[in-house]
C-alpha atoms as a PDB file:
ATOM      1  CA  UNK A   1       0.000   0.000   0.000  1.00  0.00           C
ATOM      2  CA  UNK A   2       2.883   2.316   0.796  1.00  0.00           C
ATOM      3  CA  UNK A   3       4.019   2.194  -2.836  1.00  0.00           C
ATOM      4  CA  UNK A   4       0.567   3.223  -4.030  1.00  0.00           C
ATOM      5  CA  UNK A   5       0.457   6.117  -1.563  1.00  0.00           C
ATOM      6  CA  UNK A   6       3.916   7.261  -2.679  1.00  0.00           C
ATOM      7  CA  UNK A   7       2.837   7.080  -6.317  1.00  0.00           C
ATOM      8  CA  UNK A   8      -0.201   9.263  -5.593  1.00  0.00           C
ATOM      9  CA  UNK A   9       2.035  11.766  -3.761  1.00  0.00           C
ATOM     10  CA  UNK A  10       4.504  11.910  -6.667  1.00  0.00           C
ATOM     11  CA  UNK A  11       1.901  12.235  -9.399  1.00  0.00           C
ATOM     12  CA  UNK A  12      -0.420  14.690  -7.681  1.00  0.00           C
ATOM     13  CA  UNK A  13       1.835  16.672  -5.356  1.00  0.00           C
ATOM     14  CA  UNK A  14      -0.530  16.227  -2.414  1.00  0.00           C
ATOM     15  CA  UNK A  15       0.727  15.418   1.075  1.00  0.00           C
ATOM     16  CA  UNK A  16       1.274  11.807   2.169  1.00  0.00           C
ATOM     17  CA  UNK A  17      -1.628  12.117   4.610  1.00  0.00           C
ATOM     18  CA  UNK A  18      -3.960  13.328   1.860  1.00  0.00           C
ATOM     19  CA  UNK A  19      -2.728  10.584  -0.465  1.00  0.00           C
ATOM     20  CA  UNK A  20      -3.377   7.957   2.207  1.00  0.00           C
ATOM     21  CA  UNK A  21      -6.895   9.312   2.693  1.00  0.00           C
ATOM     22  CA  UNK A  22      -7.489   9.203  -1.069  1.00  0.00           C
ATOM     23  CA  UNK A  23      -6.243   5.620  -1.351  1.00  0.00           C
ATOM     24  CA  UNK A  24      -8.380   4.595   1.638  1.00  0.00           C
ATOM     25  CA  UNK A  25     -11.449   6.206   0.116  1.00  0.00           C
ATOM     26  CA  UNK A  26     -11.002   4.568  -3.284  1.00  0.00           C
ATOM     27  CA  UNK A  27     -10.172   1.194  -1.798  1.00  0.00           C
ATOM     28  CA  UNK A  28     -13.129   1.344   0.597  1.00  0.00           C
ATOM     29  CA  UNK A  29     -15.426   2.159  -2.309  1.00  0.00           C
ATOM     30  CA  UNK A  30     -14.067  -0.723  -4.377  1.00  0.00           C
ATOM     31  CA  UNK A  31     -14.305  -3.121  -1.442  1.00  0.00           C
ATOM     32  CA  UNK A  32     -17.964  -2.186  -0.934  1.00  0.00           C
ATOM     33  CA  UNK A  33     -18.856  -2.510  -4.616  1.00  0.00           C
ATOM     34  CA  UNK A  34     -16.830  -5.554  -5.714  1.00  0.00           C
ATOM     35  CA  UNK A  35     -17.780  -9.153  -4.986  1.00  0.00           C
ATOM     36  CA  UNK A  36     -15.885 -10.543  -1.975  1.00  0.00           C
ATOM     37  CA  UNK A  37     -13.373 -12.702  -3.868  1.00  0.00           C
ATOM     38  CA  UNK A  38     -12.520  -9.879  -6.254  1.00  0.00           C
ATOM     39  CA  UNK A  39     -12.124  -7.400  -3.395  1.00  0.00           C
ATOM     40  CA  UNK A  40      -9.706  -9.844  -1.764  1.00  0.00           C
ATOM     41  CA  UNK A  41      -7.693 -10.020  -4.986  1.00  0.00           C
ATOM     42  CA  UNK A  42      -7.506  -6.217  -5.071  1.00  0.00           C
ATOM     43  CA  UNK A  43      -6.297  -6.203  -1.442  1.00  0.00           C
ATOM     44  CA  UNK A  44      -3.617  -8.731  -2.328  1.00  0.00           C
ATOM     45  CA  UNK A  45      -2.564  -6.839  -5.449  1.00  0.00           C
ATOM     46  CA  UNK A  46      -1.885  -3.599  -3.577  1.00  0.00           C
ATOM     47  CA  UNK A  47      -0.462  -5.236  -0.487  1.00  0.00           C
ATOM     48  CA  UNK A  48      -3.407  -4.186   1.638  1.00  0.00           C
ATOM     49  CA  UNK A  49      -3.383  -7.279   3.864  1.00  0.00           C
ATOM     50  CA  UNK A  50      -0.808  -6.825   6.607  1.00  0.00           C
ATOM     51  CA  UNK A  51      -0.956  -8.819   9.798  1.00  0.00           C
ATOM     52  CA  UNK A  52      -4.485  -9.981   9.029  1.00  0.00           C
ATOM     53  CA  UNK A  53      -5.970  -6.549   9.699  1.00  0.00           C
ATOM     54  CA  UNK A  54      -6.237  -5.287   6.147  1.00  0.00           C
ATOM     55  CA  UNK A  55      -5.478  -1.825   4.900  1.00  0.00           C
ATOM     56  CA  UNK A  56      -8.552  -0.057   6.213  1.00  0.00           C
ATOM     57  CA  UNK A  57      -8.167  -1.259   9.782  1.00  0.00           C
ATOM     58  CA  UNK A  58      -4.475  -0.429   9.921  1.00  0.00           C
ATOM     59  CA  UNK A  59      -4.836   2.993   8.357  1.00  0.00           C
ATOM     60  CA  UNK A  60      -7.747   3.955  10.559  1.00  0.00           C
ATOM     61  CA  UNK A  61      -5.863   2.818  13.598  1.00  0.00           C
ATOM     62  CA  UNK A  62      -2.914   5.050  12.716  1.00  0.00           C
ATOM     63  CA  UNK A  63      -4.910   8.081  11.546  1.00  0.00           C
ATOM     64  CA  UNK A  64      -8.042   7.793  13.665  1.00  0.00           C
ATOM     65  CA  UNK A  65     -11.504   8.537  12.342  1.00  0.00           C
ATOM     66  CA  UNK A  66     -11.088  10.681   9.222  1.00  0.00           C
ATOM     67  CA  UNK A  67     -14.384  12.475   9.075  1.00  0.00           C
ATOM     68  CA  UNK A  68     -16.634   9.447   9.343  1.00  0.00           C
ATOM     69  CA  UNK A  69     -14.657   7.120   7.093  1.00  0.00           C
ATOM     70  CA  UNK A  70     -14.408   4.484   9.833  1.00  0.00           C
ATOM     71  CA  UNK A  71     -15.910   1.115   8.938  1.00  0.00           C
ATOM     72  CA  UNK A  72     -17.101  -1.228  11.647  1.00  0.00           C
ATOM     73  CA  UNK A  73     -14.582  -4.017  12.321  1.00  0.00           C
END
């Protein structure tokens, strides 16, 4: 996931925190809209699964609730 965040920072010029929020938002949207197995493949492709928590849980834990973006665990 870190590589994707860095890519967004480089290509857009936004801060790492903003890039992380953008990646979280897009990934959360995709996870909600895609069938379960496909969402899992997307997680695996971007390295979102770390320590069994997944990207959203880890990012929310480190950044806190970002304006209501928190998903129930």
